Amino acid sequence: MVAAVAAVLFGLALLFQLTGFALSVITAEVLVTAGLLCVALHLAGVGNTVQVRSYRRRR
């Protein structure tokens, strides 16, 4: 999930860079930094584990 967020941030950064668009605080560099943070979190294992608990009784 975190990797998908990183992909979206990188896509927005590319669009911002190509069009020259920038808001007061949100620039292409800020989006790239946020994307790199998400990639680092993904590689660290945050947000990619699924825990399934089974409440089935064993007989």
PDB file of N, CA and C in Angstrom:
ATOM      1  N   MET A   1       0.822  -1.187   0.000  1.00  0.00           N
ATOM      2  CA  MET A   1       0.000   0.000   0.000  1.00  0.00           C
ATOM      3  C   MET A   1       0.869   1.255   0.000  1.00  0.00           C
ATOM      4  N   VAL A   2       1.941   1.217   0.764  1.00  0.00           N
ATOM      5  CA  VAL A   2       2.822   2.377   0.838  1.00  0.00           C
ATOM      6  C   VAL A   2       3.532   2.583  -0.498  1.00  0.00           C
ATOM      7  N   ALA A   3       3.824   1.490  -1.198  1.00  0.00           N
ATOM      8  CA  ALA A   3       4.473   1.603  -2.507  1.00  0.00           C
ATOM      9  C   ALA A   3       3.539   2.243  -3.525  1.00  0.00           C
ATOM     10  N   ALA A   4       2.243   1.975  -3.427  1.00  0.00           N
ATOM     11  CA  ALA A   4       1.276   2.599  -4.332  1.00  0.00           C
ATOM     12  C   ALA A   4       1.192   4.105  -4.074  1.00  0.00           C
ATOM     13  N   VAL A   5       1.251   4.494  -2.822  1.00  0.00           N
ATOM     14  CA  VAL A   5       1.250   5.924  -2.481  1.00  0.00           C
ATOM     15  C   VAL A   5       2.505   6.589  -3.049  1.00  0.00           C
ATOM     16  N   ALA A   6       3.633   5.898  -2.951  1.00  0.00           N
ATOM     17  CA  ALA A   6       4.883   6.438  -3.499  1.00  0.00           C
ATOM     18  C   ALA A   6       4.780   6.625  -5.006  1.00  0.00           C
ATOM     19  N   ALA A   7       4.162   5.668  -5.695  1.00  0.00           N
ATOM     20  CA  ALA A   7       3.998   5.781  -7.146  1.00  0.00           C
ATOM     21  C   ALA A   7       3.133   6.983  -7.510  1.00  0.00           C
ATOM     22  N   VAL A   8       2.083   7.218  -6.757  1.00  0.00           N
ATOM     23  CA  VAL A   8       1.224   8.378  -7.013  1.00  0.00           C
ATOM     24  C   VAL A   8       1.993   9.675  -6.764  1.00  0.00           C
ATOM     25  N   LEU A   9       2.757   9.723  -5.684  1.00  0.00           N
ATOM     26  CA  LEU A   9       3.539  10.924  -5.388  1.00  0.00           C
ATOM     27  C   LEU A   9       4.577  11.192  -6.467  1.00  0.00           C
ATOM     28  N   PHE A  10       5.235  10.146  -6.958  1.00  0.00           N
ATOM     29  CA  PHE A  10       6.215  10.324  -8.028  1.00  0.00           C
ATOM     30  C   PHE A  10       5.537  10.784  -9.313  1.00  0.00           C
ATOM     31  N   GLY A  11       4.351  10.278  -9.594  1.00  0.00           N
ATOM     32  CA  GLY A  11       3.605  10.719 -10.772  1.00  0.00           C
ATOM     33  C   GLY A  11       3.223  12.185 -10.681  1.00  0.00           C
ATOM     34  N   LEU A  12       2.758  12.607  -9.516  1.00  0.00           N
ATOM     35  CA  LEU A  12       2.426  14.016  -9.326  1.00  0.00           C
ATOM     36  C   LEU A  12       3.663  14.897  -9.437  1.00  0.00           C
ATOM     37  N   ALA A  13       4.778  14.431  -8.896  1.00  0.00           N
ATOM     38  CA  ALA A  13       6.024  15.197  -8.986  1.00  0.00           C
ATOM     39  C   ALA A  13       6.450  15.360 -10.438  1.00  0.00           C
ATOM     40  N   LEU A  14       6.288  14.308 -11.224  1.00  0.00           N
ATOM     41  CA  LEU A  14       6.629  14.389 -12.641  1.00  0.00           C
ATOM     42  C   LEU A  14       5.743  15.393 -13.361  1.00  0.00           C
ATOM     43  N   LEU A  15       4.449  15.355 -13.075  1.00  0.00           N
ATOM     44  CA  LEU A  15       3.541  16.323 -13.696  1.00  0.00           C
ATOM     45  C   LEU A  15       3.874  17.753 -13.278  1.00  0.00           C
ATOM     46  N   PHE A  16       4.165  17.948 -12.007  1.00  0.00           N
ATOM     47  CA  PHE A  16       4.533  19.281 -11.522  1.00  0.00           C
ATOM     48  C   PHE A  16       5.798  19.769 -12.214  1.00  0.00           C
ATOM     49  N   GLN A  17       6.766  18.861 -12.386  1.00  0.00           N
ATOM     50  CA  GLN A  17       8.038  19.233 -12.995  1.00  0.00           C
ATOM     51  C   GLN A  17       7.854  19.547 -14.480  1.00  0.00           C
ATOM     52  N   LEU A  18       7.064  18.754 -15.181  1.00  0.00           N
ATOM     53  CA  LEU A  18       6.876  18.959 -16.621  1.00  0.00           C
ATOM     54  C   LEU A  18       6.075  20.216 -16.929  1.00  0.00           C
ATOM     55  N   THR A  19       5.094  20.513 -16.100  1.00  0.00           N
ATOM     56  CA  THR A  19       4.248  21.674 -16.359  1.00  0.00           C
ATOM     57  C   THR A  19       4.782  22.936 -15.705  1.00  0.00           C
ATOM     58  N   GLY A  20       5.726  22.815 -14.797  1.00  0.00           N
ATOM     59  CA  GLY A  20       6.243  23.973 -14.091  1.00  0.00           C
ATOM     60  C   GLY A  20       5.281  24.486 -13.038  1.00  0.00           C
ATOM     61  N   PHE A  21       4.326  23.675 -12.653  1.00  0.00           N
ATOM     62  CA  PHE A  21       3.309  24.054 -11.674  1.00  0.00           C
ATOM     63  C   PHE A  21       3.860  23.870 -10.266  1.00  0.00           C
ATOM     64  N   ALA A  22       3.537  24.804  -9.383  1.00  0.00           N
ATOM     65  CA  ALA A  22       3.938  24.685  -7.982  1.00  0.00           C
ATOM     66  C   ALA A  22       2.972  25.486  -7.128  1.00  0.00           C
ATOM     67  N   LEU A  23       2.591  24.900  -6.022  1.00  0.00           N
ATOM     68  CA  LEU A  23       1.809  25.629  -5.038  1.00  0.00           C
ATOM     69  C   LEU A  23       2.776  26.317  -4.086  1.00  0.00           C
ATOM     70  N   SER A  24       2.260  27.007  -3.113  1.00  0.00           N
ATOM     71  CA  SER A  24       3.144  27.748  -2.219  1.00  0.00           C
ATOM     72  C   SER A  24       4.092  26.823  -1.447  1.00  0.00           C
ATOM     73  N   VAL A  25       3.611  25.680  -1.013  1.00  0.00           N
ATOM     74  CA  VAL A  25       4.438  24.763  -0.220  1.00  0.00           C
ATOM     75  C   VAL A  25       4.733  23.482  -0.987  1.00  0.00           C
ATOM     76  N   ILE A  26       3.795  23.035  -1.785  1.00  0.00           N
ATOM     77  CA  ILE A  26       3.936  21.751  -2.475  1.00  0.00           C
ATOM     78  C   ILE A  26       4.608  21.967  -3.831  1.00  0.00           C
ATOM     79  N   THR A  27       5.852  21.536  -3.918  1.00  0.00           N
ATOM     80  CA  THR A  27       6.599  21.598  -5.168  1.00  0.00           C
ATOM     81  C   THR A  27       6.964  20.178  -5.583  1.00  0.00           C
ATOM     82  N   ALA A  28       7.594  20.061  -6.737  1.00  0.00           N
ATOM     83  CA  ALA A  28       8.008  18.742  -7.218  1.00  0.00           C
ATOM     84  C   ALA A  28       9.030  18.113  -6.272  1.00  0.00           C
ATOM     85  N   GLU A  29       9.900  18.934  -5.703  1.00  0.00           N
ATOM     86  CA  GLU A  29      10.923  18.400  -4.793  1.00  0.00           C
ATOM     87  C   GLU A  29      10.300  17.849  -3.513  1.00  0.00           C
ATOM     88  N   VAL A  30       9.270  18.503  -3.021  1.00  0.00           N
ATOM     89  CA  VAL A  30       8.578  18.018  -1.822  1.00  0.00           C
ATOM     90  C   VAL A  30       7.899  16.683  -2.111  1.00  0.00           C
ATOM     91  N   LEU A  31       7.288  16.555  -3.289  1.00  0.00           N
ATOM     92  CA  LEU A  31       6.629  15.297  -3.651  1.00  0.00           C
ATOM     93  C   LEU A  31       7.638  14.175  -3.835  1.00  0.00           C
ATOM     94  N   VAL A  32       8.794  14.478  -4.408  1.00  0.00           N
ATOM     95  CA  VAL A  32       9.838  13.456  -4.568  1.00  0.00           C
ATOM     96  C   VAL A  32      10.333  12.997  -3.201  1.00  0.00           C
ATOM     97  N   THR A  33      10.522  13.940  -2.296  1.00  0.00           N
ATOM     98  CA  THR A  33      10.966  13.581  -0.950  1.00  0.00           C
ATOM     99  C   THR A  33       9.928  12.717  -0.244  1.00  0.00           C
ATOM    100  N   ALA A  34       8.656  13.059  -0.373  1.00  0.00           N
ATOM    101  CA  ALA A  34       7.595  12.249   0.233  1.00  0.00           C
ATOM    102  C   ALA A  34       7.532  10.865  -0.409  1.00  0.00           C
ATOM    103  N   GLY A  35       7.733  10.791  -1.705  1.00  0.00           N
ATOM    104  CA  GLY A  35       7.754   9.502  -2.393  1.00  0.00           C
ATOM    105  C   GLY A  35       8.909   8.630  -1.937  1.00  0.00           C
ATOM    106  N   LEU A  36      10.083   9.246  -1.766  1.00  0.00           N
ATOM    107  CA  LEU A  36      11.239   8.487  -1.277  1.00  0.00           C
ATOM    108  C   LEU A  36      11.014   7.996   0.149  1.00  0.00           C
ATOM    109  N   LEU A  37      10.347   8.808   0.958  1.00  0.00           N
ATOM    110  CA  LEU A  37      10.007   8.376   2.310  1.00  0.00           C
ATOM    111  C   LEU A  37       9.081   7.164   2.277  1.00  0.00           C
ATOM    112  N   CYS A  38       8.094   7.183   1.393  1.00  0.00           N
ATOM    113  CA  CYS A  38       7.171   6.048   1.276  1.00  0.00           C
ATOM    114  C   CYS A  38       7.884   4.796   0.783  1.00  0.00           C
ATOM    115  N   VAL A  39       8.809   4.953  -0.155  1.00  0.00           N
ATOM    116  CA  VAL A  39       9.582   3.797  -0.630  1.00  0.00           C
ATOM    117  C   VAL A  39      10.434   3.230   0.497  1.00  0.00           C
ATOM    118  N   ALA A  40      11.054   4.109   1.282  1.00  0.00           N
ATOM    119  CA  ALA A  40      11.862   3.642   2.411  1.00  0.00           C
ATOM    120  C   ALA A  40      11.005   2.897   3.423  1.00  0.00           C
ATOM    121  N   LEU A  41       9.816   3.407   3.703  1.00  0.00           N
ATOM    122  CA  LEU A  41       8.916   2.714   4.628  1.00  0.00           C
ATOM    123  C   LEU A  41       8.486   1.360   4.069  1.00  0.00           C
ATOM    124  N   HIS A  42       8.240   1.308   2.762  1.00  0.00           N
ATOM    125  CA  HIS A  42       7.856   0.046   2.137  1.00  0.00           C
ATOM    126  C   HIS A  42       8.987  -0.979   2.238  1.00  0.00           C
ATOM    127  N   LEU A  43      10.212  -0.535   1.976  1.00  0.00           N
ATOM    128  CA  LEU A  43      11.354  -1.450   2.069  1.00  0.00           C
ATOM    129  C   LEU A  43      11.636  -1.872   3.503  1.00  0.00           C
ATOM    130  N   ALA A  44      11.249  -1.037   4.449  1.00  0.00           N
ATOM    131  CA  ALA A  44      11.425  -1.385   5.861  1.00  0.00           C
ATOM    132  C   ALA A  44      10.351  -2.350   6.346  1.00  0.00           C
ATOM    133  N   GLY A  45       9.322  -2.571   5.550  1.00  0.00           N
ATOM    134  CA  GLY A  45       8.296  -3.529   5.919  1.00  0.00           C
ATOM    135  C   GLY A  45       7.055  -2.915   6.533  1.00  0.00           C
ATOM    136  N   VAL A  46       6.922  -1.610   6.475  1.00  0.00           N
ATOM    137  CA  VAL A  46       5.747  -0.944   7.046  1.00  0.00           C
ATOM    138  C   VAL A  46       4.611  -0.992   6.034  1.00  0.00           C
ATOM    139  N   GLY A  47       3.462  -1.465   6.465  1.00  0.00           N
ATOM    140  CA  GLY A  47       2.277  -1.411   5.624  1.00  0.00           C
ATOM    141  C   GLY A  47       2.126  -2.521   4.607  1.00  0.00           C
ATOM    142  N   ASN A  48       2.967  -3.533   4.635  1.00  0.00           N
ATOM    143  CA  ASN A  48       2.821  -4.587   3.644  1.00  0.00           C
ATOM    144  C   ASN A  48       2.546  -5.954   4.252  1.00  0.00           C
ATOM    145  N   THR A  49       2.287  -6.007   5.534  1.00  0.00           N
ATOM    146  CA  THR A  49       1.961  -7.281   6.164  1.00  0.00           C
ATOM    147  C   THR A  49       0.465  -7.361   6.406  1.00  0.00           C
ATOM    148  N   VAL A  50      -0.069  -8.509   6.128  1.00  0.00           N
ATOM    149  CA  VAL A  50      -1.487  -8.745   6.343  1.00  0.00           C
ATOM    150  C   VAL A  50      -1.612  -9.800   7.433  1.00  0.00           C
ATOM    151  N   GLN A  51      -2.305  -9.443   8.489  1.00  0.00           N
ATOM    152  CA  GLN A  51      -2.497 -10.388   9.573  1.00  0.00           C
ATOM    153  C   GLN A  51      -3.930 -10.907   9.511  1.00  0.00           C
ATOM    154  N   VAL A  52      -4.035 -12.211   9.410  1.00  0.00           N
ATOM    155  CA  VAL A  52      -5.344 -12.845   9.374  1.00  0.00           C
ATOM    156  C   VAL A  52      -5.464 -13.703  10.611  1.00  0.00           C
ATOM    157  N   ARG A  53      -6.443 -13.405  11.408  1.00  0.00           N
ATOM    158  CA  ARG A  53      -6.679 -14.214  12.602  1.00  0.00           C
ATOM    159  C   ARG A  53      -7.838 -15.146  12.342  1.00  0.00           C
ATOM    160  N   SER A  54      -7.632 -16.349  12.692  1.00  0.00           N
ATOM    161  CA  SER A  54      -8.673 -17.355  12.518  1.00  0.00           C
ATOM    162  C   SER A  54      -9.221 -17.729  13.886  1.00  0.00           C
ATOM    163  N   TYR A  55     -10.495 -17.618  14.024  1.00  0.00           N
ATOM    164  CA  TYR A  55     -11.149 -17.963  15.289  1.00  0.00           C
ATOM    165  C   TYR A  55     -11.830 -19.333  15.198  1.00  0.00           C
ATOM    166  N   ARG A  56     -11.377 -20.129  14.248  1.00  0.00           N
ATOM    167  CA  ARG A  56     -11.933 -21.459  14.107  1.00  0.00           C
ATOM    168  C   ARG A  56     -11.490 -22.338  15.259  1.00  0.00           C
ATOM    169  N   ARG A  57     -12.406 -23.065  15.804  1.00  0.00           N
ATOM    170  CA  ARG A  57     -12.071 -23.958  16.910  1.00  0.00           C
ATOM    171  C   ARG A  57     -11.460 -25.236  16.384  1.00  0.00           C
ATOM    172  N   ARG A  58     -10.446 -25.673  17.063  1.00  0.00           N
ATOM    173  CA  ARG A  58      -9.832 -26.930  16.718  1.00  0.00           C
ATOM    174  C   ARG A  58     -10.511 -28.033  17.510  1.00  0.00           C
ATOM    175  N   ARG A  59     -10.824 -29.115  16.829  1.00  0.00           N
ATOM    176  CA  ARG A  59     -11.503 -30.240  17.509  1.00  0.00           C
ATOM    177  C   ARG A  59     -10.567 -31.356  17.774  1.00  0.00           C
TER     178      ARG A  59
END
